[in-house]
Amino acid sequence: MDLKIIALTPQYAAAQLTFAADDPCCREHFPGFPVLPGSVAAAAMLHLAQSMNPETSWAIQRLRCLRFAPPGAYEIHVCRTAHGLSGSMAPVGSTSVVVQAQLQ
């Protein structure tokens, strides 16, 4: 698994997350049908939030897995909102969001 930050400001961060079917996080999730666990997407969003604002302790308030995330490359975006931060994850080159989160 690889997470590369590609944009970073105090208001916005983006990263590319790539993982393969044989990645350790997919071994049991699910055998024969590997998908990224929602907890890994949440951890990546928290990492971006901390990178944006290192002096703040962020927590996931709401996480929605909208569809399965099979092995491949994904873009993760975290941006400041009036109520904290909003995060999303979609396949690279797609607007089809697979995971959404609210962070505070």
N, C-alpha and C. Protein backbone atom coordinates (compact mmCIF):
# COMPACT_ATOMS: atom_id res chain seq x y z
N MET A 1 0.86 -1.16 0.00
CA MET A 1 0.00 0.00 0.00
C MET A 1 0.90 1.22 0.00
N ASP A 2 0.47 2.24 -0.72
CA ASP A 2 1.25 3.46 -0.83
C ASP A 2 0.31 4.67 -0.74
N LEU A 3 0.65 5.63 0.10
CA LEU A 3 -0.11 6.87 0.23
C LEU A 3 0.85 8.03 -0.05
N LYS A 4 0.57 8.77 -1.13
CA LYS A 4 1.41 9.91 -1.50
C LYS A 4 0.58 11.18 -1.44
N ILE A 5 1.02 12.14 -0.63
CA ILE A 5 0.33 13.44 -0.58
C ILE A 5 0.70 14.20 -1.84
N ILE A 6 -0.32 14.69 -2.55
CA ILE A 6 -0.09 15.39 -3.81
C ILE A 6 -0.46 16.87 -3.74
N ALA A 7 -1.17 17.29 -2.70
CA ALA A 7 -1.50 18.70 -2.48
C ALA A 7 -1.70 18.91 -0.98
N LEU A 8 -1.21 20.05 -0.48
CA LEU A 8 -1.32 20.29 0.95
C LEU A 8 -1.31 21.78 1.25
N THR A 9 -2.42 22.27 1.81
CA THR A 9 -2.53 23.64 2.32
C THR A 9 -3.27 23.54 3.65
N PRO A 10 -3.38 24.62 4.42
CA PRO A 10 -4.17 24.56 5.66
C PRO A 10 -5.67 24.34 5.41
N GLN A 11 -6.13 24.55 4.18
CA GLN A 11 -7.55 24.42 3.85
C GLN A 11 -7.90 23.14 3.08
N TYR A 12 -6.89 22.51 2.47
CA TYR A 12 -7.16 21.40 1.55
C TYR A 12 -5.95 20.47 1.46
N ALA A 13 -6.23 19.18 1.36
CA ALA A 13 -5.18 18.20 1.13
C ALA A 13 -5.70 17.12 0.20
N ALA A 14 -4.80 16.58 -0.60
CA ALA A 14 -5.15 15.48 -1.51
C ALA A 14 -4.00 14.48 -1.49
N ALA A 15 -4.36 13.23 -1.68
CA ALA A 15 -3.36 12.16 -1.72
C ALA A 15 -3.82 11.10 -2.70
N GLN A 16 -2.86 10.32 -3.16
CA GLN A 16 -3.18 9.15 -3.97
C GLN A 16 -2.84 7.91 -3.16
N LEU A 17 -3.82 7.03 -3.04
CA LEU A 17 -3.67 5.78 -2.31
C LEU A 17 -3.74 4.65 -3.32
N THR A 18 -2.73 3.79 -3.33
CA THR A 18 -2.74 2.62 -4.21
C THR A 18 -2.53 1.37 -3.37
N PHE A 19 -3.21 0.31 -3.75
CA PHE A 19 -3.02 -0.96 -3.07
C PHE A 19 -3.34 -2.09 -4.03
N ALA A 20 -2.72 -3.24 -3.77
CA ALA A 20 -2.88 -4.42 -4.61
C ALA A 20 -3.72 -5.47 -3.89
N ALA A 21 -4.19 -6.44 -4.66
CA ALA A 21 -5.03 -7.51 -4.09
C ALA A 21 -4.28 -8.31 -3.04
N ASP A 22 -2.95 -8.38 -3.14
CA ASP A 22 -2.19 -9.17 -2.18
C ASP A 22 -1.70 -8.34 -0.99
N ASP A 23 -2.16 -7.10 -0.86
CA ASP A 23 -1.79 -6.26 0.27
C ASP A 23 -2.29 -6.90 1.56
N PRO A 24 -1.50 -6.84 2.63
CA PRO A 24 -1.92 -7.48 3.90
C PRO A 24 -3.31 -7.05 4.39
N CYS A 25 -3.71 -5.81 4.15
CA CYS A 25 -5.03 -5.37 4.64
C CYS A 25 -6.19 -6.07 3.94
N CYS A 26 -5.91 -6.68 2.79
CA CYS A 26 -6.98 -7.33 2.01
C CYS A 26 -7.04 -8.84 2.20
N ARG A 27 -6.09 -9.40 2.91
CA ARG A 27 -6.04 -10.87 3.03
C ARG A 27 -7.33 -11.46 3.61
N GLU A 28 -7.89 -10.80 4.59
CA GLU A 28 -9.11 -11.29 5.23
C GLU A 28 -10.32 -10.44 4.87
N HIS A 29 -10.15 -9.50 3.99
CA HIS A 29 -11.22 -8.53 3.69
C HIS A 29 -11.40 -8.40 2.19
N PHE A 30 -11.93 -9.23 1.52
CA PHE A 30 -12.52 -10.52 1.82
C PHE A 30 -11.80 -11.58 0.98
N PRO A 31 -11.58 -12.78 1.49
CA PRO A 31 -10.90 -13.81 0.70
C PRO A 31 -11.63 -14.05 -0.63
N GLY A 32 -10.89 -13.96 -1.72
CA GLY A 32 -11.48 -14.15 -3.05
C GLY A 32 -12.11 -12.90 -3.62
N PHE A 33 -12.30 -11.86 -2.82
CA PHE A 33 -12.90 -10.60 -3.28
C PHE A 33 -12.27 -9.46 -2.47
N PRO A 34 -10.99 -9.17 -2.73
CA PRO A 34 -10.30 -8.17 -1.91
C PRO A 34 -10.84 -6.75 -2.12
N VAL A 35 -11.10 -6.07 -1.01
CA VAL A 35 -11.52 -4.67 -1.04
C VAL A 35 -10.83 -3.94 0.12
N LEU A 36 -10.69 -2.64 -0.03
CA LEU A 36 -10.05 -1.84 1.01
C LEU A 36 -10.98 -1.71 2.21
N PRO A 37 -10.53 -2.04 3.41
CA PRO A 37 -11.36 -1.83 4.59
C PRO A 37 -11.64 -0.34 4.81
N GLY A 38 -12.82 -0.02 5.25
CA GLY A 38 -13.18 1.38 5.54
C GLY A 38 -12.26 2.00 6.57
N SER A 39 -11.75 1.20 7.49
CA SER A 39 -10.85 1.73 8.51
C SER A 39 -9.55 2.25 7.90
N VAL A 40 -9.10 1.66 6.81
CA VAL A 40 -7.88 2.12 6.15
C VAL A 40 -8.15 3.46 5.45
N ALA A 41 -9.30 3.59 4.82
CA ALA A 41 -9.68 4.87 4.20
C ALA A 41 -9.79 5.95 5.28
N ALA A 42 -10.39 5.61 6.41
CA ALA A 42 -10.53 6.57 7.51
C ALA A 42 -9.16 7.00 8.01
N ALA A 43 -8.24 6.05 8.18
CA ALA A 43 -6.89 6.37 8.66
C ALA A 43 -6.16 7.29 7.68
N ALA A 44 -6.34 7.05 6.39
CA ALA A 44 -5.71 7.91 5.38
C ALA A 44 -6.27 9.33 5.45
N MET A 45 -7.58 9.46 5.65
CA MET A 45 -8.19 10.79 5.77
C MET A 45 -7.70 11.50 7.04
N LEU A 46 -7.58 10.76 8.13
CA LEU A 46 -7.06 11.34 9.37
C LEU A 46 -5.61 11.79 9.18
N HIS A 47 -4.83 11.01 8.46
CA HIS A 47 -3.44 11.39 8.19
C HIS A 47 -3.38 12.71 7.41
N LEU A 48 -4.25 12.85 6.41
CA LEU A 48 -4.30 14.11 5.65
C LEU A 48 -4.72 15.27 6.54
N ALA A 49 -5.73 15.05 7.38
CA ALA A 49 -6.21 16.10 8.28
C ALA A 49 -5.08 16.56 9.21
N GLN A 50 -4.33 15.61 9.77
CA GLN A 50 -3.21 15.96 10.65
C GLN A 50 -2.12 16.69 9.88
N SER A 51 -1.92 16.32 8.62
CA SER A 51 -0.92 17.00 7.80
C SER A 51 -1.32 18.44 7.52
N MET A 52 -2.63 18.67 7.35
CA MET A 52 -3.14 20.02 7.10
C MET A 52 -2.98 20.91 8.33
N ASN A 53 -3.30 20.35 9.49
CA ASN A 53 -3.33 21.10 10.74
C ASN A 53 -2.69 20.27 11.85
N PRO A 54 -1.36 20.25 11.93
CA PRO A 54 -0.69 19.39 12.90
C PRO A 54 -1.01 19.70 14.36
N GLU A 55 -1.45 20.91 14.65
CA GLU A 55 -1.72 21.29 16.03
C GLU A 55 -3.11 20.87 16.50
N THR A 56 -3.91 20.30 15.62
CA THR A 56 -5.28 19.90 15.95
C THR A 56 -5.39 18.38 15.98
N SER A 57 -6.12 17.86 16.95
CA SER A 57 -6.42 16.42 17.01
C SER A 57 -7.76 16.18 16.33
N TRP A 58 -7.73 15.49 15.22
CA TRP A 58 -8.95 15.24 14.45
C TRP A 58 -9.51 13.86 14.78
N ALA A 59 -10.82 13.73 14.62
CA ALA A 59 -11.50 12.44 14.80
C ALA A 59 -12.57 12.31 13.72
N ILE A 60 -12.81 11.08 13.30
CA ILE A 60 -13.88 10.81 12.34
C ILE A 60 -15.20 10.88 13.09
N GLN A 61 -16.10 11.73 12.64
CA GLN A 61 -17.43 11.84 13.24
C GLN A 61 -18.44 10.97 12.50
N ARG A 62 -18.22 10.82 11.19
CA ARG A 62 -19.14 10.02 10.38
C ARG A 62 -18.35 9.46 9.20
N LEU A 63 -18.52 8.18 8.93
CA LEU A 63 -17.86 7.53 7.81
C LEU A 63 -18.90 6.73 7.05
N ARG A 64 -18.95 6.94 5.76
CA ARG A 64 -19.90 6.21 4.91
C ARG A 64 -19.14 5.51 3.80
N CYS A 65 -19.23 4.19 3.76
CA CYS A 65 -18.68 3.42 2.65
C CYS A 65 -19.82 3.22 1.66
N LEU A 66 -19.73 3.89 0.54
CA LEU A 66 -20.82 3.92 -0.43
C LEU A 66 -20.80 2.74 -1.40
N ARG A 67 -19.60 2.23 -1.67
CA ARG A 67 -19.44 1.07 -2.54
C ARG A 67 -18.09 0.43 -2.24
N PHE A 68 -17.90 -0.77 -2.75
CA PHE A 68 -16.64 -1.47 -2.53
C PHE A 68 -15.50 -0.74 -3.23
N ALA A 69 -14.31 -0.81 -2.64
CA ALA A 69 -13.10 -0.23 -3.23
C ALA A 69 -12.14 -1.38 -3.54
N PRO A 70 -12.22 -1.92 -4.77
CA PRO A 70 -11.31 -3.01 -5.13
C PRO A 70 -9.88 -2.49 -5.31
N PRO A 71 -8.90 -3.38 -5.39
CA PRO A 71 -7.51 -2.95 -5.56
C PRO A 71 -7.37 -1.97 -6.73
N GLY A 72 -6.48 -1.00 -6.55
CA GLY A 72 -6.26 0.00 -7.58
C GLY A 72 -5.73 1.28 -6.98
N ALA A 73 -5.92 2.37 -7.73
CA ALA A 73 -5.46 3.69 -7.31
C ALA A 73 -6.66 4.58 -7.02
N TYR A 74 -6.59 5.31 -5.92
CA TYR A 74 -7.68 6.18 -5.47
C TYR A 74 -7.13 7.55 -5.10
N GLU A 75 -7.96 8.57 -5.29
CA GLU A 75 -7.64 9.91 -4.82
C GLU A 75 -8.44 10.17 -3.56
N ILE A 76 -7.77 10.72 -2.57
CA ILE A 76 -8.43 11.10 -1.32
C ILE A 76 -8.32 12.61 -1.18
N HIS A 77 -9.44 13.24 -0.90
CA HIS A 77 -9.49 14.69 -0.74
C HIS A 77 -10.05 15.02 0.63
N VAL A 78 -9.43 15.97 1.32
CA VAL A 78 -9.93 16.46 2.60
C VAL A 78 -9.93 17.98 2.51
N CYS A 79 -11.07 18.61 2.82
CA CYS A 79 -11.14 20.07 2.76
C CYS A 79 -11.88 20.62 3.98
N ARG A 80 -11.52 21.83 4.32
CA ARG A 80 -12.14 22.51 5.45
C ARG A 80 -13.56 22.93 5.07
N THR A 81 -14.48 22.75 6.03
CA THR A 81 -15.86 23.19 5.87
C THR A 81 -16.21 24.06 7.07
N ALA A 82 -17.42 24.58 7.10
CA ALA A 82 -17.86 25.40 8.22
C ALA A 82 -17.94 24.59 9.52
N HIS A 83 -18.04 23.25 9.40
CA HIS A 83 -18.23 22.40 10.58
C HIS A 83 -17.06 21.46 10.85
N GLY A 84 -15.91 21.71 10.28
CA GLY A 84 -14.74 20.85 10.47
C GLY A 84 -14.09 20.54 9.15
N LEU A 85 -13.96 19.25 8.85
CA LEU A 85 -13.37 18.81 7.59
C LEU A 85 -14.27 17.79 6.93
N SER A 86 -14.21 17.76 5.61
CA SER A 86 -14.96 16.78 4.83
C SER A 86 -13.97 15.99 4.00
N GLY A 87 -14.12 14.67 3.96
CA GLY A 87 -13.22 13.83 3.20
C GLY A 87 -13.97 12.95 2.22
N SER A 88 -13.29 12.62 1.13
CA SER A 88 -13.87 11.71 0.14
C SER A 88 -12.77 10.91 -0.53
N MET A 89 -13.14 9.75 -1.03
CA MET A 89 -12.20 8.88 -1.74
C MET A 89 -12.90 8.36 -2.98
N ALA A 90 -12.22 8.46 -4.14
CA ALA A 90 -12.76 7.99 -5.41
C ALA A 90 -11.63 7.41 -6.24
N PRO A 91 -11.95 6.49 -7.15
CA PRO A 91 -10.91 5.97 -8.03
C PRO A 91 -10.26 7.12 -8.81
N VAL A 92 -8.96 7.01 -9.08
CA VAL A 92 -8.26 8.03 -9.85
C VAL A 92 -8.97 8.20 -11.21
N GLY A 93 -9.25 9.46 -11.56
CA GLY A 93 -9.90 9.76 -12.83
C GLY A 93 -11.41 9.62 -12.82
N SER A 94 -12.00 9.38 -11.65
CA SER A 94 -13.45 9.19 -11.54
C SER A 94 -14.02 10.15 -10.51
N THR A 95 -15.28 10.47 -10.67
CA THR A 95 -15.98 11.27 -9.66
C THR A 95 -16.90 10.38 -8.82
N SER A 96 -16.81 9.08 -9.00
CA SER A 96 -17.65 8.12 -8.28
C SER A 96 -17.07 7.87 -6.88
N VAL A 97 -17.55 8.60 -5.89
CA VAL A 97 -17.04 8.51 -4.53
C VAL A 97 -17.37 7.15 -3.92
N VAL A 98 -16.36 6.52 -3.31
CA VAL A 98 -16.58 5.23 -2.66
C VAL A 98 -16.64 5.35 -1.14
N VAL A 99 -15.98 6.39 -0.57
CA VAL A 99 -16.00 6.62 0.87
C VAL A 99 -16.13 8.11 1.13
N GLN A 100 -16.99 8.48 2.08
CA GLN A 100 -17.15 9.87 2.52
C GLN A 100 -16.96 9.92 4.02
N ALA A 101 -16.43 11.05 4.51
CA ALA A 101 -16.25 11.20 5.96
C ALA A 101 -16.41 12.63 6.38
N GLN A 102 -16.85 12.80 7.63
CA GLN A 102 -16.86 14.11 8.29
C GLN A 102 -15.89 13.99 9.46
N LEU A 103 -15.00 14.97 9.57
CA LEU A 103 -14.00 14.97 10.64
C LEU A 103 -14.18 16.23 11.47
N GLN A 104 -13.95 16.09 12.79
CA GLN A 104 -13.99 17.25 13.69
C GLN A 104 -12.84 17.14 14.66
